[in-house]
Amino acid sequence: MVSPTGRMGEASVDGNENSSHDDIASHFEGMDPTHLSAFFETPYALLPRGRNEVWVIVPRFVPFYLGHLERQTDSYNYFIVNKYVDWISPLPADVREKVGISPLFESAKVANGIVVFSSREERDRAQRRYGELVDGESGECSLHVRKGREFELIARIIDDGNLPFVPSPVESCDLRPPPRSIELRDYQQRAWETFLRTGMVGVYWPPSAGKTFFSLYSGERINGNKLVVVPSVTLREQWEERIRTYCRFPDEWKVHTYQYLTGRKGWIYGVGNTALTIFDEVHHLPATTFSRLATIKTTYRIGLSASPYREDGRTEYIFALTGFPIGLGWHDMISIGAVRSPDVTVYLYTSQHAKRQGLKSLVRTLTGRVLIFCDSLRKGQQLSQEFGVPFVHGGTADRMNVIRSHRMVICSRVGDEGLSLPTLDAVVEYDFLGGSRRQEAQRVGRVMHSSIEGVHIILMTDEELHRFERRLYALEEQGLSIRCLRGNGAGQSVSGE
């Protein structure tokens, strides 16, 4: 639990944590060294949570982060580890063995309206399990997929622990020479090689790790038309800008929001004859649109997300739409210098009025480029008038130009995902979507996109911390250091730092 006593972070808000190393060491007197040695070798406990899913319980003083941080106490972190974690970032062998992650079928592959299993017994079991999605035997070990139900079947098989994709390697006749404008890092090159072998990948890297540039490179290497599907107009503008800047054949690219494509007119327009389709921020798509987007006729596909989990529990949809998963944890990205680890500070206030005064002080003192997030349109308009800075929201025209042409901007949730500002100095969260972990992970990503050492500041009342503390788990599960300080109504710590 994050508390006003600073337990989550490096500093106390009341200055009372003055225990010396001797005081701490005294607690260990009389401990059995054999058990202590065993603890340091395996500093976590595993408890079953469901099929192929466990709790991993770790003392909070141990820098061990694995899986999805579900909850905390003052003493322990409770992570959930399951098949999705293992697909994105392979688990340590000992943890994987203890978790017992195992697919339901030895093999289950879906392609061209047929699902193929490893044996007749598995085929029969699948027919009983997926009866409404299949339409009779196709062969000794295979079944026909019911027309229009292929996406649902793939999602169900994924939920049962199998990746049912059949590789469709990129044909040599579809390839062009590499572009001179984009040079891949080593891990991006490995992802490209995986894409060449499979023709369909989901790229699940942290913010600023180069998902967009990997996709631009891929599009430049593939002959033919490209379609990019995005969740917002802001992202559409950013993609179009980068296509103009980095691509040799910009006329081959179309960028549309999923709202446009799943509308009646959009569904008719511009979808046929697509060589490559890229689904950006794929976790953001409404559950009802996945199956429709899966019907896009495309030779190859790429899905992108920094947080491939859905808060409605339908995570399998993300994998079903994209393909073979490619992951790399934040720790790995930071260790190789691909992303920066931001300084995260939570300022706590006793009331909304004190929080507003704290924001005023920050506006006066923060230097460089600053992005202030405010979900509420009413509050955003008020802050815009009070501080004399633009408020960018869903109704703002040419959003990217507005954001880039001002030192300080207030932004609604239209800036949550994919927004790349390489010279951003600070992100301030003033108003937010409750306990949404996904939003928090995306917003800290804005400052991780920066080429300079940025800071991430979150302003919360004590009540908001109590109600919405879960959103901060998205940061701590990635090993980011969070300081929790008491604001004094002037946006400053009173802890004596």
Protein backbone atom coordinates (compact mmCIF):
# COMPACT_ATOMS: atom_id res chain seq x y z
CA MET A 1 0.00 0.00 0.00
CA VAL A 2 1.20 3.51 -0.78
CA SER A 3 0.83 5.62 2.31
CA PRO A 4 1.42 9.22 3.42
CA THR A 5 4.32 7.91 5.48
CA GLY A 6 6.30 7.42 2.32
CA ARG A 7 6.45 3.62 2.40
CA MET A 8 6.32 3.35 -1.35
CA GLY A 9 9.14 5.72 -2.04
CA GLU A 10 12.51 6.91 -0.94
CA ALA A 11 11.40 9.71 1.35
CA SER A 12 8.97 10.17 4.22
CA VAL A 13 6.45 12.97 4.27
CA ASP A 14 6.80 13.46 8.00
CA GLY A 15 10.51 12.83 8.50
CA ASN A 16 10.00 10.19 11.22
CA GLU A 17 11.73 7.24 9.53
CA ASN A 18 15.09 7.62 11.21
CA SER A 19 15.91 4.02 12.11
CA SER A 20 19.65 3.40 11.95
CA HIS A 21 21.21 0.41 10.27
CA ASP A 22 21.92 -0.99 13.76
CA ASP A 23 18.22 -0.76 14.65
CA ILE A 24 17.30 -2.62 11.49
CA ALA A 25 20.02 -5.22 11.99
CA SER A 26 18.75 -5.93 15.50
CA HIS A 27 15.59 -7.42 14.03
CA PHE A 28 17.66 -10.18 12.41
CA GLU A 29 19.31 -11.37 15.62
CA GLY A 30 18.58 -15.00 16.37
CA MET A 31 17.46 -15.87 12.85
CA ASP A 32 18.30 -19.31 11.51
CA PRO A 33 21.06 -18.71 8.91
CA THR A 34 19.98 -21.79 6.96
CA HIS A 35 16.50 -20.40 6.43
CA LEU A 36 17.90 -16.95 5.72
CA SER A 37 20.16 -18.41 3.04
CA ALA A 38 17.18 -20.21 1.49
CA PHE A 39 15.22 -16.96 1.48
CA PHE A 40 17.92 -15.10 -0.44
CA GLU A 41 18.00 -17.92 -2.98
CA THR A 42 14.21 -17.85 -3.47
CA PRO A 43 12.82 -14.60 -2.02
CA TYR A 44 9.21 -15.23 -3.04
CA ALA A 45 6.30 -17.57 -2.39
CA LEU A 46 3.91 -19.07 -4.95
CA LEU A 47 0.22 -19.67 -4.26
CA PRO A 48 -2.29 -21.07 -6.79
CA ARG A 49 -4.84 -18.57 -8.13
CA GLY A 50 -6.45 -20.41 -11.03
CA ARG A 51 -5.60 -22.73 -13.90
CA ASN A 52 -2.07 -21.91 -15.08
CA GLU A 53 -2.07 -18.82 -12.88
CA VAL A 54 -0.44 -18.13 -9.51
CA TRP A 55 0.20 -15.43 -6.96
CA VAL A 56 3.89 -14.55 -6.62
CA ILE A 57 4.27 -12.94 -3.19
CA VAL A 58 7.45 -10.93 -2.60
CA PRO A 59 8.58 -8.75 0.33
CA ARG A 60 8.54 -5.13 -0.78
CA PHE A 61 12.17 -4.58 0.19
CA VAL A 62 13.23 -7.19 -2.40
CA PRO A 63 13.80 -5.68 -5.90
CA PHE A 64 11.98 -8.55 -7.65
CA TYR A 65 9.29 -7.65 -10.19
CA LEU A 66 7.52 -10.32 -12.19
CA GLY A 67 4.15 -10.30 -13.88
CA HIS A 68 1.16 -8.12 -13.07
CA LEU A 69 1.19 -6.33 -9.70
CA GLU A 70 -2.33 -6.89 -8.41
CA ARG A 71 -2.16 -5.56 -4.86
CA GLN A 72 0.13 -4.54 -2.02
CA THR A 73 0.35 -4.48 1.74
CA ASP A 74 2.86 -2.43 3.68
CA SER A 75 5.14 -5.49 3.63
CA TYR A 76 4.41 -7.48 0.45
CA ASN A 77 3.81 -7.19 -3.28
CA TYR A 78 1.30 -9.64 -4.80
CA PHE A 79 2.00 -10.34 -8.48
CA ILE A 80 -0.14 -12.42 -10.84
CA VAL A 81 1.84 -14.65 -13.19
CA ASN A 82 0.13 -16.45 -16.09
CA LYS A 83 0.57 -17.49 -19.70
CA TYR A 84 0.47 -13.92 -21.01
CA VAL A 85 3.44 -12.92 -18.86
CA ASP A 86 5.39 -15.93 -20.11
CA TRP A 87 4.60 -15.21 -23.77
CA ILE A 88 5.66 -11.57 -23.55
CA SER A 89 8.74 -12.00 -21.37
CA PRO A 90 9.71 -15.62 -20.68
CA LEU A 91 9.65 -16.52 -17.00
CA PRO A 92 12.70 -17.84 -15.16
CA ALA A 93 12.81 -21.61 -15.55
CA ASP A 94 12.22 -22.33 -11.87
CA VAL A 95 9.21 -20.01 -11.70
CA ARG A 96 7.74 -21.40 -14.91
CA GLU A 97 8.06 -24.95 -13.62
CA LYS A 98 6.40 -24.08 -10.33
CA VAL A 99 3.62 -22.13 -12.02
CA GLY A 100 2.86 -25.16 -14.16
CA ILE A 101 1.96 -23.17 -17.26
CA SER A 102 0.73 -25.68 -19.80
CA PRO A 103 -1.51 -25.38 -22.87
CA LEU A 104 -4.77 -27.28 -23.08
CA PHE A 105 -3.73 -28.95 -26.35
CA GLU A 106 -0.42 -30.34 -27.47
CA SER A 107 -0.97 -28.40 -30.69
CA ALA A 108 -3.84 -26.34 -32.11
CA LYS A 109 -3.35 -24.33 -35.30
CA VAL A 110 -5.96 -22.26 -37.15
CA ALA A 111 -5.62 -21.27 -40.80
CA ASN A 112 -7.85 -20.96 -43.86
CA GLY A 113 -11.01 -22.00 -42.06
CA ILE A 114 -9.50 -25.18 -40.58
CA VAL A 115 -8.26 -25.91 -37.05
CA VAL A 116 -5.73 -28.74 -36.84
CA PHE A 117 -4.85 -30.70 -33.68
CA SER A 118 -2.12 -33.20 -32.89
CA SER A 119 -4.42 -36.20 -32.50
CA ARG A 120 -7.95 -37.45 -33.01
CA GLU A 121 -8.48 -37.39 -29.23
CA GLU A 122 -7.60 -33.70 -29.06
CA ARG A 123 -9.82 -33.00 -32.06
CA ASP A 124 -12.76 -34.66 -30.32
CA ARG A 125 -12.09 -32.79 -27.09
CA ALA A 126 -12.01 -29.50 -29.01
CA GLN A 127 -15.27 -30.35 -30.78
CA ARG A 128 -16.96 -30.79 -27.42
CA ARG A 129 -15.39 -27.63 -26.01
CA TYR A 130 -15.88 -25.29 -28.98
CA GLY A 131 -19.02 -26.83 -30.45
CA GLU A 132 -20.71 -23.55 -31.43
CA LEU A 133 -17.53 -22.33 -33.20
CA VAL A 134 -16.73 -25.39 -35.31
CA ASP A 135 -18.70 -27.09 -38.05
CA GLY A 136 -17.80 -30.74 -38.29
CA GLU A 137 -14.74 -32.82 -39.04
CA SER A 138 -12.35 -31.76 -41.77
CA GLY A 139 -9.91 -34.64 -41.43
CA GLU A 140 -8.60 -37.16 -38.97
CA CYS A 141 -7.19 -34.46 -36.67
CA SER A 142 -8.96 -31.31 -37.89
CA LEU A 143 -12.26 -29.43 -37.80
CA HIS A 144 -13.95 -26.89 -40.02
CA VAL A 145 -14.27 -23.46 -38.42
CA ARG A 146 -17.80 -22.12 -38.58
CA LYS A 147 -18.02 -19.24 -41.06
CA GLY A 148 -17.51 -15.86 -39.41
CA ARG A 149 -16.34 -17.38 -36.11
CA GLU A 150 -12.60 -17.80 -36.73
CA PHE A 151 -11.56 -14.84 -34.56
CA GLU A 152 -13.67 -16.10 -31.65
CA LEU A 153 -12.17 -19.56 -31.95
CA ILE A 154 -8.62 -18.18 -32.00
CA ALA A 155 -9.38 -16.10 -28.90
CA ARG A 156 -10.84 -19.12 -27.07
CA ILE A 157 -7.82 -21.29 -27.91
CA ILE A 158 -5.49 -18.52 -26.71
CA ASP A 159 -7.45 -18.28 -23.48
CA ASP A 160 -6.89 -22.03 -23.09
CA GLY A 161 -3.12 -21.56 -23.30
CA ASN A 162 -2.24 -22.26 -26.94
CA LEU A 163 -0.94 -19.85 -29.57
CA PRO A 164 -2.87 -21.14 -32.61
CA PHE A 165 -1.06 -19.17 -35.31
CA VAL A 166 0.43 -20.72 -38.42
CA PRO A 167 3.51 -18.80 -39.63
CA SER A 168 3.09 -17.11 -42.99
CA PRO A 169 6.65 -16.02 -43.86
CA VAL A 170 7.15 -12.82 -45.80
CA GLU A 171 7.62 -13.64 -49.47
CA SER A 172 10.88 -12.44 -51.00
CA CYS A 173 8.93 -10.84 -53.85
CA ASP A 174 7.15 -8.64 -51.28
CA LEU A 175 10.40 -7.18 -49.93
CA ARG A 176 12.21 -3.95 -50.78
CA PRO A 177 15.72 -2.84 -49.74
CA PRO A 178 16.05 -1.26 -46.26
CA PRO A 179 15.31 2.46 -45.96
CA ARG A 180 18.24 4.76 -45.20
CA SER A 181 16.09 6.92 -42.93
CA ILE A 182 15.55 4.27 -40.22
CA GLU A 183 18.22 2.17 -38.52
CA LEU A 184 17.10 -0.64 -36.24
CA ARG A 185 18.52 -1.37 -32.80
CA ASP A 186 19.56 -4.96 -32.07
CA TYR A 187 16.28 -5.95 -30.39
CA GLN A 188 14.31 -4.29 -33.20
CA GLN A 189 16.33 -6.28 -35.73
CA ARG A 190 15.47 -9.50 -33.88
CA ALA A 191 11.80 -8.50 -33.99
CA TRP A 192 12.09 -7.86 -37.74
CA GLU A 193 13.57 -11.33 -38.23
CA THR A 194 10.66 -12.83 -36.27
CA PHE A 195 8.24 -10.90 -38.47
CA LEU A 196 9.98 -12.22 -41.60
CA ARG A 197 9.53 -15.79 -40.35
CA THR A 198 5.91 -15.43 -39.25
CA GLY A 199 4.26 -12.54 -41.11
CA MET A 200 2.24 -11.62 -38.00
CA VAL A 201 3.56 -10.27 -34.69
CA GLY A 202 2.43 -8.42 -31.59
CA VAL A 203 5.16 -6.06 -30.37
CA TYR A 204 4.83 -5.40 -26.63
CA TRP A 205 7.61 -3.01 -25.67
CA PRO A 206 7.57 -0.17 -23.13
CA PRO A 207 6.88 3.42 -24.24
CA SER A 208 9.72 5.03 -26.24
CA ALA A 209 11.28 1.65 -27.11
CA GLY A 210 10.70 2.20 -30.83
CA LYS A 211 7.47 0.36 -31.68
CA THR A 212 6.41 3.02 -34.18
CA PHE A 213 9.79 3.16 -35.92
CA PHE A 214 9.92 -0.63 -36.10
CA SER A 215 6.54 -0.49 -37.85
CA LEU A 216 7.63 2.29 -40.22
CA TYR A 217 10.71 0.26 -41.11
CA SER A 218 8.55 -2.82 -41.71
CA GLY A 219 6.19 -0.83 -43.90
CA GLU A 220 9.10 0.54 -45.92
CA ARG A 221 10.41 -2.99 -46.48
CA ILE A 222 7.02 -4.37 -47.62
CA ASN A 223 5.76 -3.63 -51.13
CA GLY A 224 2.19 -2.45 -51.46
CA ASN A 225 -0.45 -0.58 -49.50
CA LYS A 226 -0.23 -0.14 -45.74
CA LEU A 227 -3.08 0.51 -43.30
CA VAL A 228 -2.49 1.87 -39.78
CA VAL A 229 -5.37 1.59 -37.28
CA VAL A 230 -5.17 3.99 -34.31
CA PRO A 231 -7.49 4.83 -31.38
CA SER A 232 -7.40 8.63 -31.68
CA VAL A 233 -7.11 11.55 -34.08
CA THR A 234 -4.01 12.71 -32.19
CA LEU A 235 -2.22 9.47 -33.01
CA ARG A 236 -3.43 9.64 -36.60
CA GLU A 237 -1.83 13.07 -36.97
CA GLN A 238 1.43 11.83 -35.45
CA TRP A 239 1.57 8.79 -37.72
CA GLU A 240 0.87 10.90 -40.80
CA GLU A 241 3.63 13.31 -39.81
CA ARG A 242 6.15 10.51 -39.38
CA ILE A 243 5.14 8.83 -42.61
CA ARG A 244 5.79 12.10 -44.47
CA THR A 245 9.16 12.46 -42.73
CA TYR A 246 10.59 8.94 -42.89
CA CYS A 247 8.89 7.03 -45.70
CA ARG A 248 9.96 6.89 -49.33
CA PHE A 249 6.48 5.95 -50.52
CA PRO A 250 4.04 7.93 -48.33
CA ASP A 251 1.20 7.49 -50.83
CA GLU A 252 1.13 3.77 -49.99
CA TRP A 253 0.05 4.52 -46.41
CA LYS A 254 -3.42 5.16 -45.00
CA VAL A 255 -4.02 5.97 -41.32
CA HIS A 256 -7.53 5.64 -39.88
CA THR A 257 -9.08 5.50 -36.43
CA TYR A 258 -10.85 2.27 -35.53
CA GLN A 259 -14.04 4.33 -35.11
CA TYR A 260 -13.80 5.32 -38.77
CA LEU A 261 -13.08 1.81 -39.99
CA THR A 262 -15.88 0.19 -38.04
CA GLY A 263 -18.41 2.79 -39.14
CA ARG A 264 -20.53 1.87 -42.13
CA LYS A 265 -18.87 4.24 -44.60
CA GLY A 266 -15.37 3.54 -43.35
CA TRP A 267 -15.85 -0.20 -43.56
CA ILE A 268 -16.47 0.09 -47.29
CA TYR A 269 -13.62 2.52 -47.96
CA GLY A 270 -9.90 1.83 -48.22
CA VAL A 271 -9.67 -1.63 -46.66
CA GLY A 272 -9.08 -3.93 -49.64
CA ASN A 273 -5.73 -4.97 -51.12
CA THR A 274 -3.69 -4.21 -48.00
CA ALA A 275 -0.19 -5.68 -47.84
CA LEU A 276 0.44 -4.75 -44.20
CA THR A 277 -1.96 -3.69 -41.45
CA ILE A 278 -0.61 -2.14 -38.24
CA PHE A 279 -2.83 -1.98 -35.15
CA ASP A 280 -1.41 0.70 -32.84
CA GLU A 281 -2.27 0.74 -29.11
CA VAL A 282 -4.21 -2.45 -29.79
CA HIS A 283 -5.24 -2.88 -26.14
CA HIS A 284 -7.37 0.26 -26.51
CA LEU A 285 -9.81 -1.20 -29.02
CA PRO A 286 -13.35 -1.82 -27.70
CA ALA A 287 -14.07 -5.54 -27.34
CA THR A 288 -16.90 -5.31 -29.89
CA THR A 289 -14.56 -4.11 -32.67
CA PHE A 290 -11.89 -6.82 -32.53
CA SER A 291 -13.78 -9.40 -34.58
CA ARG A 292 -14.68 -6.81 -37.22
CA LEU A 293 -11.09 -5.59 -37.55
CA ALA A 294 -9.93 -9.20 -37.82
CA THR A 295 -11.82 -9.45 -41.13
CA ILE A 296 -9.57 -6.85 -42.80
CA LYS A 297 -8.00 -8.56 -45.79
CA THR A 298 -4.29 -8.12 -45.26
CA THR A 299 -1.26 -10.20 -46.17
CA TYR A 300 0.76 -9.30 -43.06
CA ARG A 301 -0.06 -7.73 -39.70
CA ILE A 302 1.63 -6.07 -36.72
CA GLY A 303 0.07 -5.15 -33.37
CA LEU A 304 1.62 -2.60 -30.99
CA SER A 305 1.10 -2.05 -27.27
CA ALA A 306 3.12 -1.03 -24.21
CA SER A 307 0.50 -2.53 -21.90
CA PRO A 308 -1.05 -5.64 -23.51
CA TYR A 309 -3.60 -6.28 -20.78
CA ARG A 310 -7.28 -5.41 -20.78
CA GLU A 311 -9.04 -4.26 -17.64
CA ASP A 312 -12.21 -6.04 -18.81
CA GLY A 313 -10.31 -9.35 -18.67
CA ARG A 314 -10.37 -9.98 -22.45
CA THR A 315 -6.60 -9.94 -22.90
CA GLU A 316 -6.85 -12.89 -25.30
CA TYR A 317 -8.41 -10.53 -27.89
CA ILE A 318 -5.14 -8.58 -28.14
CA PHE A 319 -3.15 -11.70 -29.00
CA ALA A 320 -5.86 -13.07 -31.30
CA LEU A 321 -5.79 -9.95 -33.48
CA THR A 322 -2.03 -9.56 -33.76
CA GLY A 323 0.04 -12.75 -33.89
CA PHE A 324 3.23 -14.12 -32.40
CA PRO A 325 4.13 -12.06 -29.29
CA ILE A 326 7.44 -10.21 -28.99
CA GLY A 327 8.19 -8.73 -25.59
CA LEU A 328 10.94 -6.99 -23.66
CA GLY A 329 10.53 -5.84 -20.08
CA TRP A 330 11.06 -2.28 -18.86
CA HIS A 331 14.03 -3.44 -16.77
CA ASP A 332 15.70 -4.81 -19.91
CA MET A 333 14.96 -1.68 -21.91
CA ILE A 334 16.39 0.58 -19.20
CA SER A 335 19.47 -1.61 -18.73
CA ILE A 336 20.39 -1.39 -22.43
CA GLY A 337 19.72 2.35 -22.47
CA ALA A 338 16.79 2.14 -24.88
CA VAL A 339 14.50 4.05 -22.52
CA ARG A 340 15.04 6.35 -19.56
CA SER A 341 13.81 5.62 -16.06
CA PRO A 342 11.83 8.71 -15.02
CA ASP A 343 11.81 10.26 -11.58
CA VAL A 344 8.25 9.70 -10.28
CA THR A 345 6.87 11.79 -7.39
CA VAL A 346 3.40 11.65 -5.85
CA TYR A 347 2.37 14.82 -3.99
CA LEU A 348 -0.45 14.36 -1.49
CA TYR A 349 -2.93 17.05 -0.44
CA THR A 350 -5.69 17.20 2.14
CA SER A 351 -8.27 18.68 -0.25
CA GLN A 352 -8.98 19.50 -3.89
CA HIS A 353 -8.40 23.18 -3.09
CA ALA A 354 -4.93 22.45 -1.70
CA LYS A 355 -4.21 20.29 -4.75
CA ARG A 356 -5.20 23.16 -7.05
CA GLN A 357 -2.85 25.50 -5.16
CA GLY A 358 -0.09 22.92 -5.51
CA LEU A 359 -0.60 22.85 -9.28
CA LYS A 360 -0.39 26.66 -9.40
CA SER A 361 2.98 26.51 -7.68
CA LEU A 362 4.25 23.85 -10.08
CA VAL A 363 3.16 25.90 -13.08
CA ARG A 364 5.23 28.82 -11.74
CA THR A 365 8.32 26.76 -10.95
CA LEU A 366 8.60 24.03 -13.60
CA THR A 367 10.94 24.90 -16.44
CA GLY A 368 11.23 23.43 -19.91
CA ARG A 369 8.44 21.65 -21.77
CA VAL A 370 5.56 20.57 -19.55
CA LEU A 371 2.49 18.42 -20.29
CA ILE A 372 -0.34 18.62 -17.73
CA PHE A 373 -2.96 15.86 -17.93
CA CYS A 374 -6.53 16.74 -16.97
CA ASP A 375 -9.30 14.29 -17.87
CA SER A 376 -12.16 16.62 -16.96
CA LEU A 377 -13.05 18.96 -19.83
CA ARG A 378 -14.55 21.50 -17.41
CA LYS A 379 -11.48 21.58 -15.20
CA GLY A 380 -9.21 21.63 -18.24
CA GLN A 381 -10.92 24.71 -19.66
CA GLN A 382 -10.71 26.45 -16.28
CA LEU A 383 -7.01 25.69 -15.91
CA SER A 384 -6.37 26.83 -19.48
CA GLN A 385 -7.94 30.22 -18.79
CA GLU A 386 -6.24 30.58 -15.41
CA PHE A 387 -2.73 29.72 -16.61
CA GLY A 388 -2.99 31.15 -20.12
CA VAL A 389 -1.94 27.92 -21.87
CA PRO A 390 -3.75 25.78 -24.48
CA PHE A 391 -6.08 22.93 -23.52
CA VAL A 392 -5.90 20.11 -26.06
CA HIS A 393 -8.93 17.80 -26.14
CA GLY A 394 -11.08 15.82 -28.55
CA GLY A 395 -12.41 18.95 -30.25
CA THR A 396 -9.00 20.56 -30.83
CA ALA A 397 -7.90 20.86 -34.45
CA ASP A 398 -4.29 20.09 -35.44
CA ARG A 399 -3.49 18.81 -31.95
CA MET A 400 0.12 17.82 -32.57
CA ASN A 401 1.00 21.27 -33.89
CA VAL A 402 -0.62 22.92 -30.86
CA ILE A 403 1.26 20.65 -28.44
CA ARG A 404 4.62 21.11 -30.11
CA SER A 405 4.36 24.88 -30.55
CA HIS A 406 3.80 25.65 -26.84
CA ARG A 407 6.14 25.14 -23.89
CA MET A 408 3.30 24.16 -21.56
CA VAL A 409 0.06 22.44 -22.58
CA ILE A 410 -2.92 21.03 -20.69
CA CYS A 411 -4.14 17.82 -22.31
CA SER A 412 -7.17 15.57 -21.87
CA ARG A 413 -6.90 11.81 -22.22
CA VAL A 414 -6.48 12.21 -26.01
CA GLY A 415 -2.76 12.48 -25.20
CA ASP A 416 -2.58 9.32 -23.12
CA GLU A 417 -1.31 6.92 -25.75
CA GLY A 418 1.43 6.99 -28.34
CA LEU A 419 2.19 10.71 -28.07
CA SER A 420 5.92 11.24 -28.65
CA LEU A 421 7.57 14.48 -27.49
CA PRO A 422 11.36 14.01 -27.54
CA THR A 423 12.11 17.21 -25.58
CA LEU A 424 9.51 16.82 -22.82
CA ASP A 425 10.85 17.80 -19.37
CA ALA A 426 7.87 17.05 -17.13
CA VAL A 427 4.50 15.32 -17.07
CA VAL A 428 2.04 16.42 -14.39
CA GLU A 429 -1.10 14.37 -13.70
CA TYR A 430 -3.78 16.60 -12.19
CA ASP A 431 -7.01 14.79 -13.08
CA PHE A 432 -7.16 11.12 -14.09
CA LEU A 433 -9.32 8.09 -14.77
CA GLY A 434 -9.72 6.63 -11.28
CA GLY A 435 -7.64 3.53 -10.62
CA SER A 436 -6.79 2.80 -14.27
CA ARG A 437 -3.39 1.11 -14.30
CA ARG A 438 -3.33 1.14 -18.08
CA GLN A 439 -3.70 4.92 -18.19
CA GLU A 440 -0.92 5.36 -15.62
CA ALA A 441 1.45 3.14 -17.59
CA GLN A 442 0.71 5.10 -20.74
CA ARG A 443 1.12 8.51 -19.13
CA VAL A 444 4.50 7.78 -17.60
CA GLY A 445 5.43 6.66 -21.09
CA ARG A 446 5.09 10.22 -22.36
CA VAL A 447 8.16 11.34 -20.40
CA MET A 448 9.96 8.08 -21.26
CA HIS A 449 9.70 9.17 -24.91
CA SER A 450 11.83 12.20 -24.07
CA SER A 451 15.50 12.28 -25.04
CA ILE A 452 16.28 14.14 -21.82
CA GLU A 453 15.98 13.18 -18.15
CA GLY A 454 12.33 13.95 -17.43
CA VAL A 455 10.16 13.88 -14.32
CA HIS A 456 6.68 12.50 -13.76
CA ILE A 457 4.55 14.20 -11.09
CA ILE A 458 1.19 12.96 -9.81
CA LEU A 459 -1.03 15.20 -7.69
CA MET A 460 -3.54 13.36 -5.47
CA THR A 461 -5.70 14.11 -2.48
CA ASP A 462 -5.57 11.68 0.44
CA GLU A 463 -9.02 10.43 -0.59
CA GLU A 464 -7.88 9.86 -4.20
CA LEU A 465 -4.88 7.88 -2.98
CA HIS A 466 -7.14 5.73 -0.81
CA ARG A 467 -9.60 5.08 -3.65
CA PHE A 468 -7.29 4.92 -6.67
CA GLU A 469 -3.97 3.66 -5.33
CA ARG A 470 -4.10 0.72 -7.77
CA ARG A 471 -3.16 2.95 -10.70
CA LEU A 472 0.30 3.40 -9.15
CA TYR A 473 0.89 -0.36 -9.20
CA ALA A 474 1.51 -0.05 -12.95
CA LEU A 475 4.66 1.90 -12.12
CA GLU A 476 5.96 -0.12 -9.21
CA GLU A 477 5.54 -3.46 -10.98
CA GLN A 478 8.03 -2.17 -13.55
CA GLY A 479 10.55 -1.32 -10.84
CA LEU A 480 10.18 2.44 -11.14
CA SER A 481 11.08 4.32 -7.96
CA ILE A 482 8.17 6.34 -6.57
CA ARG A 483 8.51 9.03 -3.93
CA CYS A 484 5.37 9.81 -1.96
CA LEU A 485 5.57 13.29 -0.40
CA ARG A 486 3.21 15.57 1.44
CA GLY A 487 2.42 18.72 -0.53
CA ASN A 488 1.97 21.88 1.48
CA GLY A 489 -0.47 23.55 -0.88
CA ALA A 490 2.43 25.13 -2.71
CA GLY A 491 3.45 22.05 -4.63
CA GLN A 492 6.52 21.45 -2.47
CA SER A 493 7.61 18.68 -0.14
CA VAL A 494 7.52 19.41 3.57
CA SER A 495 9.66 16.38 4.39
CA GLY A 496 12.84 18.40 4.58
CA GLU A 497 14.31 17.15 1.30
